[in-house]
C-alpha atoms as a PDB file:
ATOM      1  CA  UNK A   1     -73.612-138.853 -61.959  1.00  0.00           C
ATOM      2  CA  UNK A   2     -74.217-141.188 -58.946  1.00  0.00           C
ATOM      3  CA  UNK A   3     -76.157-139.879 -56.047  1.00  0.00           C
ATOM      4  CA  UNK A   4     -74.770-140.739 -52.811  1.00  0.00           C
ATOM      5  CA  UNK A   5     -77.440-141.467 -50.059  1.00  0.00           C
ATOM      6  CA  UNK A   6     -76.716-140.050 -46.559  1.00  0.00           C
ATOM      7  CA  UNK A   7     -77.335-142.534 -43.819  1.00  0.00           C
ATOM      8  CA  UNK A   8     -79.545-141.162 -40.997  1.00  0.00           C
ATOM      9  CA  UNK A   9     -77.608-140.731 -37.782  1.00  0.00           C
ATOM     10  CA  UNK A  10     -79.425-143.132 -35.288  1.00  0.00           C
ATOM     11  CA  UNK A  11     -79.488-143.068 -31.680  1.00  0.00           C
ATOM     12  CA  UNK A  12     -79.522-146.327 -29.935  1.00  0.00           C
ATOM     13  CA  UNK A  13     -82.913-146.169 -28.729  1.00  0.00           C
ATOM     14  CA  UNK A  14     -84.287-145.175 -32.173  1.00  0.00           C
ATOM     15  CA  UNK A  15     -83.069-148.480 -33.707  1.00  0.00           C
ATOM     16  CA  UNK A  16     -86.535-150.666 -33.088  1.00  0.00           C
ATOM     17  CA  UNK A  17     -88.302-147.826 -34.643  1.00  0.00           C
ATOM     18  CA  UNK A  18     -86.139-147.699 -37.892  1.00  0.00           C
ATOM     19  CA  UNK A  19     -86.260-151.333 -38.156  1.00  0.00           C
ATOM     20  CA  UNK A  20     -90.041-151.100 -38.327  1.00  0.00           C
ATOM     21  CA  UNK A  21     -90.318-148.427 -40.719  1.00  0.00           C
ATOM     22  CA  UNK A  22     -87.796-150.299 -43.042  1.00  0.00           C
ATOM     23  CA  UNK A  23     -90.065-153.542 -42.843  1.00  0.00           C
ATOM     24  CA  UNK A  24     -93.068-151.461 -43.703  1.00  0.00           C
ATOM     25  CA  UNK A  25     -91.080-149.911 -46.794  1.00  0.00           C
ATOM     26  CA  UNK A  26     -89.965-153.737 -47.807  1.00  0.00           C
ATOM     27  CA  UNK A  27     -93.659-154.868 -47.550  1.00  0.00           C
ATOM     28  CA  UNK A  28     -94.871-151.852 -49.789  1.00  0.00           C
ATOM     29  CA  UNK A  29     -92.223-152.612 -52.284  1.00  0.00           C
ATOM     30  CA  UNK A  30     -92.984-156.437 -52.448  1.00  0.00           C
ATOM     31  CA  UNK A  31     -96.746-155.781 -52.561  1.00  0.00           C
ATOM     32  CA  UNK A  32     -96.083-153.250 -55.459  1.00  0.00           C
ATOM     33  CA  UNK A  33     -93.998-155.671 -57.430  1.00  0.00           C
ATOM     34  CA  UNK A  34     -96.407-158.599 -56.888  1.00  0.00           C
ATOM     35  CA  UNK A  35     -99.707-156.556 -57.146  1.00  0.00           C
ATOM     36  CA  UNK A  36    -100.842-157.688 -53.643  1.00  0.00           C
ATOM     37  CA  UNK A  37    -103.248-155.629 -51.596  1.00  0.00           C
ATOM     38  CA  UNK A  38    -101.496-155.429 -48.195  1.00  0.00           C
ATOM     39  CA  UNK A  39    -103.031-152.100 -47.051  1.00  0.00           C
ATOM     40  CA  UNK A  40    -104.704-153.323 -43.805  1.00  0.00           C
ATOM     41  CA  UNK A  41    -101.575-154.966 -42.827  1.00  0.00           C
ATOM     42  CA  UNK A  42     -99.476-151.806 -43.517  1.00  0.00           C
ATOM     43  CA  UNK A  43    -102.045-149.663 -41.641  1.00  0.00           C
ATOM     44  CA  UNK A  44    -101.640-151.947 -38.722  1.00  0.00           C
ATOM     45  CA  UNK A  45     -97.870-151.700 -38.753  1.00  0.00           C
ATOM     46  CA  UNK A  46     -97.967-147.940 -39.217  1.00  0.00           C
ATOM     47  CA  UNK A  47    -100.061-147.748 -36.034  1.00  0.00           C
ATOM     48  CA  UNK A  48     -97.672-149.964 -34.452  1.00  0.00           C
ATOM     49  CA  UNK A  49     -94.844-147.395 -35.416  1.00  0.00           C
ATOM     50  CA  UNK A  50     -96.880-144.506 -34.161  1.00  0.00           C
ATOM     51  CA  UNK A  51     -97.342-146.166 -30.763  1.00  0.00           C
ATOM     52  CA  UNK A  52     -93.728-147.366 -30.622  1.00  0.00           C
ATOM     53  CA  UNK A  53     -92.483-143.637 -31.158  1.00  0.00           C
ATOM     54  CA  UNK A  54     -94.590-142.542 -28.438  1.00  0.00           C
ATOM     55  CA  UNK A  55     -93.328-145.255 -26.226  1.00  0.00           C
ATOM     56  CA  UNK A  56     -89.739-144.615 -26.883  1.00  0.00           C
ATOM     57  CA  UNK A  57     -89.933-140.727 -26.757  1.00  0.00           C
ATOM     58  CA  UNK A  58     -91.946-140.750 -23.614  1.00  0.00           C
ATOM     59  CA  UNK A  59     -89.728-142.771 -21.622  1.00  0.00           C
ATOM     60  CA  UNK A  60     -86.417-141.281 -22.491  1.00  0.00           C
ATOM     61  CA  UNK A  61     -83.901-140.945 -19.571  1.00  0.00           C
ATOM     62  CA  UNK A  62     -82.244-137.562 -19.008  1.00  0.00           C
ATOM     63  CA  UNK A  63     -79.089-138.807 -20.810  1.00  0.00           C
ATOM     64  CA  UNK A  64     -81.086-139.741 -23.807  1.00  0.00           C
ATOM     65  CA  UNK A  65     -83.190-136.340 -23.899  1.00  0.00           C
ATOM     66  CA  UNK A  66     -79.629-134.848 -23.808  1.00  0.00           C
ATOM     67  CA  UNK A  67     -78.665-136.823 -27.054  1.00  0.00           C
ATOM     68  CA  UNK A  68     -81.687-135.610 -28.749  1.00  0.00           C
ATOM     69  CA  UNK A  69     -81.075-132.215 -27.871  1.00  0.00           C
ATOM     70  CA  UNK A  70     -77.510-132.371 -29.329  1.00  0.00           C
ATOM     71  CA  UNK A  71     -78.504-134.508 -32.328  1.00  0.00           C
ATOM     72  CA  UNK A  72     -76.082-133.620 -35.333  1.00  0.00           C
ATOM     73  CA  UNK A  73     -78.870-133.203 -37.659  1.00  0.00           C
ATOM     74  CA  UNK A  74     -81.011-131.154 -35.440  1.00  0.00           C
ATOM     75  CA  UNK A  75     -81.464-127.499 -36.835  1.00  0.00           C
ATOM     76  CA  UNK A  76     -79.463-124.801 -35.226  1.00  0.00           C
ATOM     77  CA  UNK A  77     -80.115-121.134 -34.798  1.00  0.00           C
ATOM     78  CA  UNK A  78     -78.135-120.490 -38.050  1.00  0.00           C
ATOM     79  CA  UNK A  79     -80.366-122.817 -39.883  1.00  0.00           C
ATOM     80  CA  UNK A  80     -83.242-120.758 -38.794  1.00  0.00           C
ATOM     81  CA  UNK A  81     -81.665-117.477 -39.234  1.00  0.00           C
ATOM     82  CA  UNK A  82     -80.895-118.666 -43.006  1.00  0.00           C
ATOM     83  CA  UNK A  83     -84.509-119.762 -43.504  1.00  0.00           C
ATOM     84  CA  UNK A  84     -86.063-116.597 -42.746  1.00  0.00           C
ATOM     85  CA  UNK A  85     -83.410-114.187 -43.932  1.00  0.00           C
ATOM     86  CA  UNK A  86     -82.312-113.315 -47.644  1.00  0.00           C
ATOM     87  CA  UNK A  87     -78.729-112.688 -46.847  1.00  0.00           C
END
């Protein structure tokens, strides 16, 4: 049985961050395949990813903040109720 991978719903301003994270994953895979230690480079890219995330989300416009608040994958009240209730 084939599994289907859901693509994450991305907002326009999140694209540079997801591109960087994809690049980090590619480097990890290539390093594992070739037996090369690139831990320092990965650490630097991960640090850049954290900085980029901070830059992006600290400078959002009011409209972009609204997009985040209304994100389709954001948990709703019902999600929280189902998580804390048995019925």
